[in-house]
């Protein structure tokens, strides 16, 4: 993955140093920049063209809750964001994912978990540690016991696309697996998002898991 531009947004020097060591293991040719406050992040990220990935600590100076994530999504809605936080409670994780984060990795996670997450996201896929997905699904189920009124059912092909998406596959790999065009996959993914009432791939995976659990796995 040559030439990928990665922003490390964290105000802790020791953790920034650790991330500077981890990122090249996931993407050897990455160009790394750093930001130590919400203001620095927003000054650095002015559009989707600036960075290929943002590694974001929620607790930056000047930030409150997911304020930095929300601000990022306004200026660069398509730029992948991996939240890396010392906070690992389900409510915070859910808020971050619903706020537009593509992945959430606790700072307590092993280094390889973060390496795998970076590789997956830069490759166009998704990544969530199993314990994070479980916590999010449990939390999410309490607020969405019934489907939204008028929600359309997924077609068989869309269910298959969602299944592959849940495995972390990129659109390109899904297209290859199903022997269809990548444009068709993108159209299916957009329809899946609309029908499930979600805005990104991680949210779709969580919602899919909730619906599967509710149906008893059938």
N, C-alpha and C. Protein backbone atom coordinates (compact mmCIF):
# COMPACT_ATOMS: atom_id res chain seq x y z
N UNK A 1 0.85 -1.20 0.00
CA UNK A 1 0.00 0.00 0.00
C UNK A 1 0.88 1.25 0.00
N UNK A 2 1.55 1.52 -1.11
CA UNK A 2 2.48 2.64 -1.16
C UNK A 2 1.78 3.99 -1.14
N UNK A 3 2.47 4.96 -0.60
CA UNK A 3 2.00 6.32 -0.68
C UNK A 3 0.79 6.66 0.16
N UNK A 4 0.40 5.83 1.12
CA UNK A 4 -0.74 6.12 1.97
C UNK A 4 -0.38 7.19 2.98
N UNK A 5 -1.27 8.15 3.15
CA UNK A 5 -1.04 9.25 4.08
C UNK A 5 -1.86 9.03 5.35
N UNK A 6 -1.17 8.95 6.47
CA UNK A 6 -1.81 8.61 7.74
C UNK A 6 -1.59 9.73 8.75
N UNK A 7 -2.67 10.15 9.40
CA UNK A 7 -2.59 11.15 10.46
C UNK A 7 -2.75 10.48 11.80
N UNK A 8 -1.76 10.64 12.68
CA UNK A 8 -1.84 10.17 14.05
C UNK A 8 -2.31 11.33 14.91
N UNK A 9 -3.50 11.21 15.47
CA UNK A 9 -4.08 12.29 16.28
C UNK A 9 -4.13 11.85 17.73
N UNK A 10 -3.09 12.18 18.48
CA UNK A 10 -2.96 11.78 19.88
C UNK A 10 -2.02 12.75 20.56
N UNK A 11 -2.32 13.11 21.80
CA UNK A 11 -1.48 14.10 22.50
C UNK A 11 -0.53 13.47 23.51
N UNK A 12 -0.47 12.12 23.53
CA UNK A 12 0.45 11.45 24.46
C UNK A 12 1.72 11.06 23.71
N UNK A 13 2.87 11.68 24.02
CA UNK A 13 4.11 11.43 23.28
C UNK A 13 4.50 9.96 23.21
N UNK A 14 4.34 9.22 24.31
CA UNK A 14 4.74 7.81 24.30
C UNK A 14 3.85 6.98 23.37
N UNK A 15 2.55 7.27 23.37
CA UNK A 15 1.67 6.50 22.50
C UNK A 15 1.86 6.90 21.05
N UNK A 16 2.13 8.19 20.81
CA UNK A 16 2.43 8.63 19.44
C UNK A 16 3.66 7.90 18.92
N UNK A 17 4.66 7.75 19.79
CA UNK A 17 5.87 7.05 19.40
C UNK A 17 5.56 5.60 19.06
N UNK A 18 4.68 4.98 19.87
CA UNK A 18 4.29 3.60 19.60
C UNK A 18 3.55 3.49 18.27
N UNK A 19 2.68 4.44 17.99
CA UNK A 19 1.93 4.41 16.73
C UNK A 19 2.85 4.63 15.54
N UNK A 20 3.85 5.48 15.70
CA UNK A 20 4.81 5.70 14.61
C UNK A 20 5.57 4.41 14.28
N UNK A 21 5.70 3.53 15.27
CA UNK A 21 6.36 2.25 15.03
C UNK A 21 5.40 1.22 14.44
N UNK A 22 4.12 1.32 14.81
CA UNK A 22 3.13 0.34 14.36
C UNK A 22 2.70 0.59 12.91
N UNK A 23 2.46 1.84 12.56
CA UNK A 23 1.93 2.15 11.22
C UNK A 23 2.80 1.57 10.10
N UNK A 24 4.14 1.72 10.13
CA UNK A 24 4.96 1.15 9.05
C UNK A 24 4.87 -0.37 8.97
N UNK A 25 4.55 -1.03 10.08
CA UNK A 25 4.40 -2.49 10.04
C UNK A 25 3.15 -2.88 9.25
N UNK A 26 2.14 -2.01 9.28
CA UNK A 26 0.91 -2.26 8.53
C UNK A 26 1.00 -1.73 7.11
N UNK A 27 1.74 -0.64 6.94
CA UNK A 27 1.86 0.01 5.63
C UNK A 27 3.26 0.62 5.54
N UNK A 28 4.23 -0.15 5.05
CA UNK A 28 5.64 0.27 5.08
C UNK A 28 5.93 1.62 4.42
N UNK A 29 5.18 1.98 3.39
CA UNK A 29 5.46 3.23 2.67
C UNK A 29 4.58 4.39 3.15
N UNK A 30 3.95 4.26 4.31
CA UNK A 30 3.04 5.31 4.78
C UNK A 30 3.77 6.62 5.06
N UNK A 31 3.11 7.70 4.70
CA UNK A 31 3.58 9.04 5.06
C UNK A 31 2.81 9.46 6.31
N UNK A 32 3.53 9.71 7.40
CA UNK A 32 2.88 9.95 8.69
C UNK A 32 2.98 11.42 9.09
N UNK A 33 1.84 11.96 9.51
CA UNK A 33 1.80 13.28 10.14
C UNK A 33 1.13 13.14 11.50
N UNK A 34 1.32 14.13 12.35
CA UNK A 34 0.76 14.07 13.69
C UNK A 34 -0.02 15.34 14.03
N UNK A 35 -0.99 15.16 14.92
CA UNK A 35 -1.78 16.28 15.45
C UNK A 35 -2.03 16.00 16.92
N UNK A 36 -1.92 17.02 17.76
CA UNK A 36 -2.01 16.81 19.20
C UNK A 36 -3.22 17.48 19.85
N UNK A 37 -4.13 18.02 19.04
CA UNK A 37 -5.33 18.66 19.59
C UNK A 37 -6.42 18.63 18.52
N UNK A 38 -7.65 18.89 18.95
CA UNK A 38 -8.74 18.93 17.97
C UNK A 38 -8.49 20.00 16.93
N UNK A 39 -7.99 21.17 17.35
CA UNK A 39 -7.71 22.25 16.41
C UNK A 39 -6.66 21.82 15.39
N UNK A 40 -5.63 21.11 15.86
CA UNK A 40 -4.58 20.63 14.95
C UNK A 40 -5.13 19.64 13.93
N UNK A 41 -6.02 18.75 14.40
CA UNK A 41 -6.61 17.76 13.51
C UNK A 41 -7.41 18.44 12.41
N UNK A 42 -8.25 19.37 12.78
CA UNK A 42 -9.12 20.03 11.80
C UNK A 42 -8.31 20.92 10.86
N UNK A 43 -7.20 21.46 11.35
CA UNK A 43 -6.33 22.26 10.48
C UNK A 43 -5.63 21.37 9.46
N UNK A 44 -5.32 20.13 9.87
CA UNK A 44 -4.62 19.21 8.98
C UNK A 44 -5.56 18.56 7.97
N UNK A 45 -6.76 18.20 8.43
CA UNK A 45 -7.72 17.50 7.57
C UNK A 45 -8.74 18.50 7.05
N UNK A 46 -8.55 18.91 5.82
CA UNK A 46 -9.44 19.91 5.23
C UNK A 46 -10.36 19.32 4.16
N UNK A 47 -10.08 18.08 3.74
CA UNK A 47 -10.92 17.41 2.75
C UNK A 47 -10.56 15.93 2.72
N UNK A 48 -11.33 15.15 1.96
CA UNK A 48 -11.05 13.72 1.84
C UNK A 48 -9.76 13.44 1.08
N UNK A 49 -9.23 14.45 0.38
CA UNK A 49 -8.04 14.24 -0.44
C UNK A 49 -6.74 14.30 0.37
N UNK A 50 -6.81 14.73 1.62
CA UNK A 50 -5.59 14.99 2.39
C UNK A 50 -4.99 13.72 2.97
N UNK A 51 -5.80 12.88 3.62
CA UNK A 51 -5.30 11.66 4.27
C UNK A 51 -6.09 10.43 3.83
N UNK A 52 -5.40 9.30 3.85
CA UNK A 52 -6.04 8.02 3.56
C UNK A 52 -6.57 7.35 4.82
N UNK A 53 -6.08 7.80 5.98
CA UNK A 53 -6.49 7.21 7.25
C UNK A 53 -6.16 8.16 8.39
N UNK A 54 -7.07 8.24 9.35
CA UNK A 54 -6.83 9.01 10.58
C UNK A 54 -6.94 8.06 11.77
N UNK A 55 -5.90 8.03 12.59
CA UNK A 55 -5.91 7.27 13.84
C UNK A 55 -6.21 8.27 14.95
N UNK A 56 -7.38 8.20 15.53
CA UNK A 56 -7.90 9.27 16.37
C UNK A 56 -8.11 8.87 17.82
N UNK A 57 -7.48 9.60 18.72
CA UNK A 57 -7.77 9.49 20.15
C UNK A 57 -8.92 10.45 20.44
N UNK A 58 -9.97 9.98 21.09
CA UNK A 58 -11.12 10.84 21.36
C UNK A 58 -10.81 11.94 22.36
N UNK A 59 -9.90 11.66 23.29
CA UNK A 59 -9.64 12.61 24.38
C UNK A 59 -8.51 13.58 24.06
N UNK A 60 -8.64 14.27 22.94
CA UNK A 60 -7.66 15.29 22.57
C UNK A 60 -7.97 16.61 23.26
N UNK A 61 -6.97 17.43 23.52
CA UNK A 61 -7.23 18.78 24.03
C UNK A 61 -8.18 19.53 23.08
N UNK A 62 -9.19 20.14 23.65
CA UNK A 62 -10.16 20.86 22.84
C UNK A 62 -11.34 20.02 22.40
N UNK A 63 -11.28 18.71 22.64
CA UNK A 63 -12.36 17.81 22.24
C UNK A 63 -13.19 17.42 23.44
N UNK A 64 -14.45 17.11 23.19
CA UNK A 64 -15.36 16.65 24.23
C UNK A 64 -16.20 15.52 23.65
N UNK A 65 -16.11 14.34 24.28
CA UNK A 65 -16.85 13.19 23.74
C UNK A 65 -16.34 12.84 22.36
N UNK A 66 -17.28 12.82 21.40
CA UNK A 66 -16.89 12.51 20.01
C UNK A 66 -16.87 13.76 19.14
N UNK A 67 -16.63 14.93 19.78
CA UNK A 67 -16.69 16.18 19.02
C UNK A 67 -15.69 16.24 17.89
N UNK A 68 -14.48 15.72 18.11
CA UNK A 68 -13.48 15.76 17.05
C UNK A 68 -13.86 14.84 15.90
N UNK A 69 -14.38 13.68 16.24
CA UNK A 69 -14.85 12.75 15.22
C UNK A 69 -15.97 13.38 14.41
N UNK A 70 -16.92 14.02 15.07
CA UNK A 70 -18.04 14.65 14.38
C UNK A 70 -17.55 15.76 13.45
N UNK A 71 -16.60 16.55 13.93
CA UNK A 71 -16.04 17.63 13.12
C UNK A 71 -15.28 17.07 11.91
N UNK A 72 -14.56 15.98 12.14
CA UNK A 72 -13.85 15.32 11.04
C UNK A 72 -14.82 14.85 9.97
N UNK A 73 -15.92 14.27 10.39
CA UNK A 73 -16.89 13.75 9.45
C UNK A 73 -17.52 14.86 8.61
N UNK A 74 -17.59 16.07 9.16
CA UNK A 74 -18.16 17.18 8.39
C UNK A 74 -17.21 17.63 7.28
N UNK A 75 -15.90 17.64 7.56
CA UNK A 75 -14.95 18.14 6.55
C UNK A 75 -14.41 17.03 5.64
N UNK A 76 -14.41 15.78 6.13
CA UNK A 76 -13.89 14.66 5.34
C UNK A 76 -14.74 13.43 5.60
N UNK A 77 -15.96 13.41 5.07
CA UNK A 77 -16.90 12.34 5.40
C UNK A 77 -16.49 10.96 4.91
N UNK A 78 -15.60 10.87 3.94
CA UNK A 78 -15.23 9.57 3.38
C UNK A 78 -13.89 9.06 3.87
N UNK A 79 -13.12 9.89 4.56
CA UNK A 79 -11.81 9.47 5.05
C UNK A 79 -11.97 8.45 6.18
N UNK A 80 -11.37 7.27 6.06
CA UNK A 80 -11.48 6.27 7.13
C UNK A 80 -10.89 6.79 8.44
N UNK A 81 -11.61 6.54 9.53
CA UNK A 81 -11.16 6.95 10.86
C UNK A 81 -11.17 5.74 11.78
N UNK A 82 -10.02 5.44 12.37
CA UNK A 82 -9.93 4.39 13.38
C UNK A 82 -9.77 5.07 14.73
N UNK A 83 -10.75 4.92 15.59
CA UNK A 83 -10.65 5.47 16.94
C UNK A 83 -9.78 4.53 17.78
N UNK A 84 -8.76 5.11 18.41
CA UNK A 84 -7.88 4.35 19.30
C UNK A 84 -7.96 5.02 20.65
N UNK A 85 -8.60 4.37 21.60
CA UNK A 85 -8.92 5.05 22.85
C UNK A 85 -8.66 4.17 24.06
N UNK A 86 -8.32 4.83 25.18
CA UNK A 86 -8.15 4.12 26.44
C UNK A 86 -9.51 3.73 27.03
N UNK A 87 -10.56 4.36 26.52
CA UNK A 87 -11.92 4.07 26.99
C UNK A 87 -12.45 2.87 26.21
N UNK A 88 -12.94 1.85 26.93
CA UNK A 88 -13.41 0.65 26.25
C UNK A 88 -14.80 0.21 26.69
N UNK A 89 -15.61 1.17 27.16
CA UNK A 89 -16.98 0.80 27.54
C UNK A 89 -17.87 0.82 26.30
N UNK A 90 -18.92 0.00 26.33
CA UNK A 90 -19.78 -0.19 25.16
C UNK A 90 -20.45 1.10 24.71
N UNK A 91 -20.84 1.94 25.67
CA UNK A 91 -21.55 3.16 25.30
C UNK A 91 -20.68 4.08 24.47
N UNK A 92 -19.41 4.24 24.87
CA UNK A 92 -18.50 5.10 24.13
C UNK A 92 -18.21 4.52 22.76
N UNK A 93 -18.01 3.19 22.69
CA UNK A 93 -17.75 2.55 21.42
C UNK A 93 -18.93 2.71 20.48
N UNK A 94 -20.12 2.53 20.99
CA UNK A 94 -21.32 2.68 20.16
C UNK A 94 -21.44 4.11 19.65
N UNK A 95 -21.19 5.08 20.52
CA UNK A 95 -21.29 6.48 20.13
C UNK A 95 -20.29 6.80 19.02
N UNK A 96 -19.09 6.24 19.13
CA UNK A 96 -18.06 6.50 18.11
C UNK A 96 -18.45 5.88 16.77
N UNK A 97 -18.93 4.63 16.79
CA UNK A 97 -19.31 3.97 15.54
C UNK A 97 -20.50 4.67 14.91
N UNK A 98 -21.51 4.99 15.70
CA UNK A 98 -22.66 5.71 15.17
C UNK A 98 -22.27 7.10 14.70
N UNK A 99 -21.18 7.63 15.25
CA UNK A 99 -20.70 8.95 14.86
C UNK A 99 -19.84 8.92 13.60
N UNK A 100 -19.59 7.72 13.06
CA UNK A 100 -18.90 7.64 11.79
C UNK A 100 -17.53 7.00 11.81
N UNK A 101 -17.08 6.48 12.95
CA UNK A 101 -15.78 5.79 12.98
C UNK A 101 -15.87 4.48 12.21
N UNK A 102 -14.81 4.16 11.48
CA UNK A 102 -14.78 2.92 10.71
C UNK A 102 -14.32 1.73 11.55
N UNK A 103 -13.66 2.01 12.65
CA UNK A 103 -13.20 0.95 13.56
C UNK A 103 -12.91 1.57 14.92
N UNK A 104 -12.90 0.71 15.94
CA UNK A 104 -12.61 1.17 17.31
C UNK A 104 -11.67 0.15 17.93
N UNK A 105 -10.48 0.60 18.26
CA UNK A 105 -9.48 -0.29 18.85
C UNK A 105 -9.08 0.25 20.22
N UNK A 106 -9.34 -0.48 21.30
CA UNK A 106 -8.90 -0.04 22.63
C UNK A 106 -7.37 0.03 22.70
N UNK A 107 -6.85 1.00 23.44
CA UNK A 107 -5.41 1.12 23.57
C UNK A 107 -4.80 -0.08 24.30
N UNK A 108 -5.63 -0.83 24.99
CA UNK A 108 -5.15 -2.01 25.70
C UNK A 108 -4.98 -3.22 24.77
N UNK A 109 -5.44 -3.08 23.52
CA UNK A 109 -5.36 -4.21 22.58
C UNK A 109 -3.92 -4.50 22.20
N UNK A 110 -3.60 -5.75 21.89
CA UNK A 110 -2.24 -6.10 21.43
C UNK A 110 -1.88 -5.35 20.15
N UNK A 111 -0.59 -5.16 19.95
CA UNK A 111 -0.11 -4.44 18.78
C UNK A 111 -0.63 -5.04 17.48
N UNK A 112 -0.67 -6.37 17.40
CA UNK A 112 -1.09 -7.02 16.16
C UNK A 112 -2.52 -6.69 15.81
N UNK A 113 -3.36 -6.47 16.81
CA UNK A 113 -4.75 -6.10 16.56
C UNK A 113 -4.80 -4.78 15.79
N UNK A 114 -4.01 -3.81 16.23
CA UNK A 114 -3.99 -2.52 15.55
C UNK A 114 -3.40 -2.64 14.15
N UNK A 115 -2.35 -3.44 14.01
CA UNK A 115 -1.75 -3.65 12.68
C UNK A 115 -2.80 -4.24 11.73
N UNK A 116 -3.52 -5.25 12.20
CA UNK A 116 -4.56 -5.88 11.38
C UNK A 116 -5.66 -4.88 11.02
N UNK A 117 -6.03 -4.04 11.98
CA UNK A 117 -7.07 -3.04 11.74
C UNK A 117 -6.64 -2.05 10.66
N UNK A 118 -5.42 -1.56 10.76
CA UNK A 118 -4.92 -0.59 9.78
C UNK A 118 -4.87 -1.21 8.40
N UNK A 119 -4.36 -2.43 8.30
CA UNK A 119 -4.29 -3.12 7.01
C UNK A 119 -5.68 -3.30 6.40
N UNK A 120 -6.62 -3.71 7.23
CA UNK A 120 -7.97 -3.96 6.74
C UNK A 120 -8.63 -2.68 6.24
N UNK A 121 -8.53 -1.61 7.02
CA UNK A 121 -9.17 -0.36 6.64
C UNK A 121 -8.53 0.23 5.40
N UNK A 122 -7.20 0.24 5.33
CA UNK A 122 -6.52 0.78 4.16
C UNK A 122 -6.80 -0.07 2.92
N UNK A 123 -7.13 -1.35 3.13
CA UNK A 123 -7.46 -2.23 2.02
C UNK A 123 -8.90 -2.14 1.57
N UNK A 124 -9.67 -1.26 2.21
CA UNK A 124 -11.06 -1.07 1.83
C UNK A 124 -12.03 -1.96 2.56
N UNK A 125 -11.55 -2.69 3.57
CA UNK A 125 -12.42 -3.56 4.35
C UNK A 125 -12.84 -2.94 5.66
N UNK A 126 -13.25 -3.78 6.60
CA UNK A 126 -13.64 -3.32 7.93
C UNK A 126 -12.86 -4.12 8.96
N UNK A 127 -12.78 -3.59 10.17
CA UNK A 127 -12.12 -4.33 11.24
C UNK A 127 -12.67 -3.90 12.58
N UNK A 128 -13.12 -4.89 13.36
CA UNK A 128 -13.53 -4.63 14.73
C UNK A 128 -13.15 -5.84 15.56
N UNK A 129 -12.40 -5.67 16.66
CA UNK A 129 -12.10 -6.80 17.54
C UNK A 129 -13.39 -7.46 18.00
N UNK A 130 -13.36 -8.78 18.16
CA UNK A 130 -14.57 -9.54 18.50
C UNK A 130 -15.25 -9.02 19.75
N UNK A 131 -14.45 -8.66 20.76
CA UNK A 131 -15.06 -8.19 22.01
C UNK A 131 -15.76 -6.85 21.84
N UNK A 132 -15.24 -6.03 20.91
CA UNK A 132 -15.88 -4.74 20.64
C UNK A 132 -17.20 -4.96 19.92
N UNK A 133 -17.21 -5.84 18.93
CA UNK A 133 -18.44 -6.14 18.20
C UNK A 133 -19.51 -6.69 19.15
N UNK A 134 -19.11 -7.60 20.04
CA UNK A 134 -20.07 -8.19 20.98
C UNK A 134 -20.68 -7.13 21.88
N UNK A 135 -19.83 -6.23 22.39
CA UNK A 135 -20.33 -5.19 23.27
C UNK A 135 -21.26 -4.23 22.53
N UNK A 136 -20.90 -3.90 21.30
CA UNK A 136 -21.73 -2.99 20.50
C UNK A 136 -23.07 -3.63 20.16
N UNK A 137 -23.04 -4.90 19.80
CA UNK A 137 -24.30 -5.57 19.44
C UNK A 137 -25.23 -5.65 20.64
N UNK A 138 -24.68 -5.94 21.81
CA UNK A 138 -25.50 -6.02 23.01
C UNK A 138 -26.10 -4.67 23.34
N UNK A 139 -25.27 -3.63 23.25
CA UNK A 139 -25.76 -2.28 23.55
C UNK A 139 -26.77 -1.83 22.52
N UNK A 140 -26.47 -2.12 21.23
CA UNK A 140 -27.33 -1.67 20.14
C UNK A 140 -28.68 -2.35 20.17
N UNK A 141 -28.72 -3.60 20.64
CA UNK A 141 -29.97 -4.36 20.63
C UNK A 141 -31.01 -3.75 21.56
N UNK A 142 -30.57 -3.10 22.63
CA UNK A 142 -31.52 -2.52 23.58
C UNK A 142 -32.22 -1.30 23.00
N UNK A 143 -31.56 -0.62 22.07
CA UNK A 143 -32.16 0.59 21.52
C UNK A 143 -32.88 0.34 20.20
N UNK A 144 -32.78 -0.92 19.65
CA UNK A 144 -33.41 -1.20 18.37
C UNK A 144 -34.03 -2.58 18.40
N UNK A 145 -34.97 -2.78 19.31
CA UNK A 145 -35.59 -4.09 19.44
C UNK A 145 -36.45 -4.43 18.24
N UNK A 146 -37.06 -3.42 17.61
CA UNK A 146 -37.93 -3.67 16.46
C UNK A 146 -37.37 -2.92 15.26
N UNK A 147 -37.56 -3.47 14.05
CA UNK A 147 -37.10 -2.79 12.86
C UNK A 147 -37.86 -1.49 12.63
N UNK A 148 -37.21 -0.56 11.97
CA UNK A 148 -37.84 0.73 11.71
C UNK A 148 -39.08 0.52 10.84
N UNK A 149 -40.15 1.30 11.09
CA UNK A 149 -41.38 1.15 10.31
C UNK A 149 -41.09 1.33 8.82
N UNK A 150 -41.62 0.42 8.01
CA UNK A 150 -41.47 0.56 6.58
C UNK A 150 -40.11 0.13 6.05
N UNK A 151 -39.29 -0.45 6.87
CA UNK A 151 -37.97 -0.86 6.39
C UNK A 151 -38.10 -1.99 5.37
N UNK A 152 -37.41 -1.83 4.25
CA UNK A 152 -37.46 -2.83 3.20
C UNK A 152 -36.62 -4.04 3.58
N UNK A 153 -37.05 -5.20 3.11
CA UNK A 153 -36.29 -6.42 3.34
C UNK A 153 -35.12 -6.49 2.36
N UNK A 154 -34.02 -7.08 2.79
CA UNK A 154 -32.88 -7.26 1.91
C UNK A 154 -33.18 -8.38 0.92
N UNK A 155 -32.70 -8.23 -0.31
CA UNK A 155 -32.82 -9.30 -1.29
C UNK A 155 -31.81 -10.39 -0.95
N UNK A 156 -31.96 -11.55 -1.58
CA UNK A 156 -31.01 -12.64 -1.34
C UNK A 156 -29.59 -12.23 -1.70
N UNK A 157 -29.42 -11.52 -2.82
CA UNK A 157 -28.09 -11.07 -3.23
C UNK A 157 -27.53 -10.06 -2.22
N UNK A 158 -28.37 -9.17 -1.73
CA UNK A 158 -27.91 -8.19 -0.74
C UNK A 158 -27.51 -8.87 0.56
N UNK A 159 -28.24 -9.92 0.94
CA UNK A 159 -27.88 -10.67 2.14
C UNK A 159 -26.51 -11.33 1.97
N UNK A 160 -26.25 -11.83 0.77
CA UNK A 160 -24.95 -12.45 0.49
C UNK A 160 -23.84 -11.40 0.52
N UNK A 161 -24.09 -10.23 -0.05
CA UNK A 161 -23.12 -9.14 -0.01
C UNK A 161 -22.85 -8.74 1.43
N UNK A 162 -23.91 -8.65 2.23
CA UNK A 162 -23.75 -8.27 3.64
C UNK A 162 -22.95 -9.32 4.40
N UNK A 163 -23.17 -10.59 4.08
CA UNK A 163 -22.42 -11.67 4.72
C UNK A 163 -20.92 -11.51 4.43
N UNK A 164 -20.58 -11.24 3.18
CA UNK A 164 -19.17 -11.07 2.82
C UNK A 164 -18.60 -9.78 3.40
N UNK A 165 -19.43 -8.75 3.43
CA UNK A 165 -19.01 -7.49 4.05
C UNK A 165 -18.70 -7.72 5.52
N UNK A 166 -19.50 -8.57 6.18
CA UNK A 166 -19.30 -8.87 7.59
C UNK A 166 -17.99 -9.60 7.85
N UNK A 167 -17.46 -10.23 6.80
CA UNK A 167 -16.17 -10.91 6.91
C UNK A 167 -14.99 -9.95 6.70
N UNK A 168 -15.32 -8.67 6.50
CA UNK A 168 -14.27 -7.67 6.32
C UNK A 168 -13.78 -7.51 4.90
N UNK A 169 -14.50 -8.11 3.94
CA UNK A 169 -14.06 -8.04 2.54
C UNK A 169 -14.27 -6.64 1.96
N UNK A 170 -13.36 -6.24 1.09
CA UNK A 170 -13.49 -4.99 0.36
C UNK A 170 -14.49 -5.19 -0.78
N UNK A 171 -14.95 -4.09 -1.38
CA UNK A 171 -15.87 -4.20 -2.51
C UNK A 171 -15.25 -5.00 -3.65
N UNK A 172 -13.96 -4.79 -3.88
CA UNK A 172 -13.28 -5.49 -4.97
C UNK A 172 -13.29 -7.00 -4.75
N UNK A 173 -13.03 -7.42 -3.50
CA UNK A 173 -13.00 -8.84 -3.21
C UNK A 173 -14.40 -9.44 -3.24
N UNK A 174 -15.39 -8.68 -2.80
CA UNK A 174 -16.78 -9.15 -2.87
C UNK A 174 -17.18 -9.35 -4.33
N UNK A 175 -16.79 -8.39 -5.19
CA UNK A 175 -17.11 -8.50 -6.62
C UNK A 175 -16.48 -9.74 -7.22
N UNK A 176 -15.24 -10.01 -6.85
CA UNK A 176 -14.54 -11.18 -7.37
C UNK A 176 -15.20 -12.47 -6.88
N UNK A 177 -15.60 -12.49 -5.60
CA UNK A 177 -16.21 -13.68 -5.03
C UNK A 177 -17.55 -14.00 -5.67
N UNK A 178 -18.34 -12.96 -5.94
CA UNK A 178 -19.69 -13.16 -6.49
C UNK A 178 -19.73 -13.09 -8.01
N UNK A 179 -18.56 -12.82 -8.64
CA UNK A 179 -18.48 -12.72 -10.10
C UNK A 179 -19.40 -11.65 -10.65
N UNK A 180 -19.39 -10.49 -9.98
CA UNK A 180 -20.15 -9.34 -10.45
C UNK A 180 -19.21 -8.14 -10.48
N UNK A 181 -19.67 -7.03 -11.04
CA UNK A 181 -18.81 -5.85 -11.14
C UNK A 181 -18.73 -5.13 -9.80
N UNK A 182 -17.63 -4.40 -9.61
CA UNK A 182 -17.47 -3.62 -8.38
C UNK A 182 -18.54 -2.54 -8.27
N UNK A 183 -18.95 -1.99 -9.41
CA UNK A 183 -20.01 -0.98 -9.41
C UNK A 183 -21.31 -1.58 -8.87
N UNK A 184 -21.59 -2.83 -9.26
CA UNK A 184 -22.80 -3.50 -8.77
C UNK A 184 -22.71 -3.72 -7.26
N UNK A 185 -21.52 -4.09 -6.78
CA UNK A 185 -21.34 -4.26 -5.34
C UNK A 185 -21.61 -2.96 -4.61
N UNK A 186 -21.07 -1.86 -5.14
CA UNK A 186 -21.29 -0.55 -4.50
C UNK A 186 -22.77 -0.21 -4.44
N UNK A 187 -23.50 -0.55 -5.50
CA UNK A 187 -24.94 -0.29 -5.52
C UNK A 187 -25.64 -1.13 -4.45
N UNK A 188 -25.25 -2.39 -4.33
CA UNK A 188 -25.83 -3.25 -3.30
C UNK A 188 -25.53 -2.72 -1.91
N UNK A 189 -24.28 -2.30 -1.68
CA UNK A 189 -23.88 -1.79 -0.37
C UNK A 189 -24.69 -0.54 -0.01
N UNK A 190 -24.89 0.35 -0.98
CA UNK A 190 -25.69 1.56 -0.73
C UNK A 190 -27.12 1.19 -0.35
N UNK A 191 -27.68 0.21 -1.04
CA UNK A 191 -29.05 -0.23 -0.73
C UNK A 191 -29.12 -0.87 0.64
N UNK A 192 -28.08 -1.65 0.99
CA UNK A 192 -28.03 -2.28 2.31
C UNK A 192 -28.00 -1.22 3.40
N UNK A 193 -27.17 -0.20 3.23
CA UNK A 193 -27.10 0.88 4.21
C UNK A 193 -28.47 1.52 4.39
N UNK A 194 -29.13 1.81 3.27
CA UNK A 194 -30.43 2.48 3.33
C UNK A 194 -31.45 1.60 4.03
N UNK A 195 -31.50 0.31 3.67
CA UNK A 195 -32.50 -0.58 4.24
C UNK A 195 -32.26 -0.87 5.72
N UNK A 196 -31.00 -0.90 6.13
CA UNK A 196 -30.69 -1.16 7.54
C UNK A 196 -30.70 0.11 8.38
N UNK A 197 -30.75 1.26 7.72
CA UNK A 197 -30.75 2.53 8.45
C UNK A 197 -29.40 2.85 9.05
N UNK A 198 -28.31 2.52 8.32
CA UNK A 198 -26.96 2.76 8.81
C UNK A 198 -26.20 3.62 7.81
N UNK A 199 -25.00 4.08 8.20
CA UNK A 199 -24.25 4.98 7.34
C UNK A 199 -22.86 4.48 6.98
N UNK A 200 -22.41 3.38 7.60
CA UNK A 200 -21.10 2.84 7.20
C UNK A 200 -21.08 1.33 7.36
N UNK A 201 -19.97 0.73 6.93
CA UNK A 201 -19.86 -0.73 6.88
C UNK A 201 -19.88 -1.36 8.28
N UNK A 202 -19.23 -0.71 9.23
CA UNK A 202 -19.19 -1.27 10.58
C UNK A 202 -20.59 -1.29 11.20
N UNK A 203 -21.34 -0.21 11.02
CA UNK A 203 -22.70 -0.18 11.53
C UNK A 203 -23.54 -1.28 10.88
N UNK A 204 -23.32 -1.51 9.59
CA UNK A 204 -24.06 -2.55 8.88
C UNK A 204 -23.75 -3.93 9.46
N UNK A 205 -22.48 -4.17 9.77
CA UNK A 205 -22.08 -5.46 10.35
C UNK A 205 -22.73 -5.66 11.71
N UNK A 206 -22.74 -4.61 12.52
CA UNK A 206 -23.35 -4.69 13.86
C UNK A 206 -24.84 -4.97 13.75
N UNK A 207 -25.51 -4.24 12.85
CA UNK A 207 -26.95 -4.43 12.67
C UNK A 207 -27.26 -5.81 12.13
N UNK A 208 -26.42 -6.29 11.23
CA UNK A 208 -26.62 -7.64 10.68
C UNK A 208 -26.51 -8.69 11.78
N UNK A 209 -25.53 -8.52 12.66
CA UNK A 209 -25.38 -9.45 13.77
C UNK A 209 -26.56 -9.43 14.72
N UNK A 210 -27.10 -8.24 14.95
CA UNK A 210 -28.27 -8.11 15.83
C UNK A 210 -29.48 -8.83 15.22
N UNK A 211 -29.69 -8.62 13.93
CA UNK A 211 -30.83 -9.24 13.27
C UNK A 211 -30.68 -10.76 13.24
N UNK A 212 -29.43 -11.24 13.02
CA UNK A 212 -29.19 -12.68 13.02
C UNK A 212 -29.47 -13.29 14.38
N UNK A 213 -29.00 -12.58 15.45
CA UNK A 213 -29.23 -13.08 16.80
C UNK A 213 -30.72 -13.12 17.13
N UNK A 214 -31.44 -12.11 16.67
CA UNK A 214 -32.87 -12.03 16.96
C UNK A 214 -33.64 -13.15 16.27
N UNK A 215 -33.13 -13.54 15.06
CA UNK A 215 -33.82 -14.58 14.31
C UNK A 215 -33.39 -15.99 14.73
N UNK A 216 -32.48 -16.04 15.72
CA UNK A 216 -32.01 -17.32 16.20
C UNK A 216 -31.02 -17.98 15.30
N UNK A 217 -30.35 -17.12 14.44
CA UNK A 217 -29.31 -17.65 13.56
C UNK A 217 -29.82 -18.17 12.24
N UNK A 218 -31.12 -17.96 11.94
CA UNK A 218 -31.70 -18.45 10.69
C UNK A 218 -31.97 -17.28 9.76
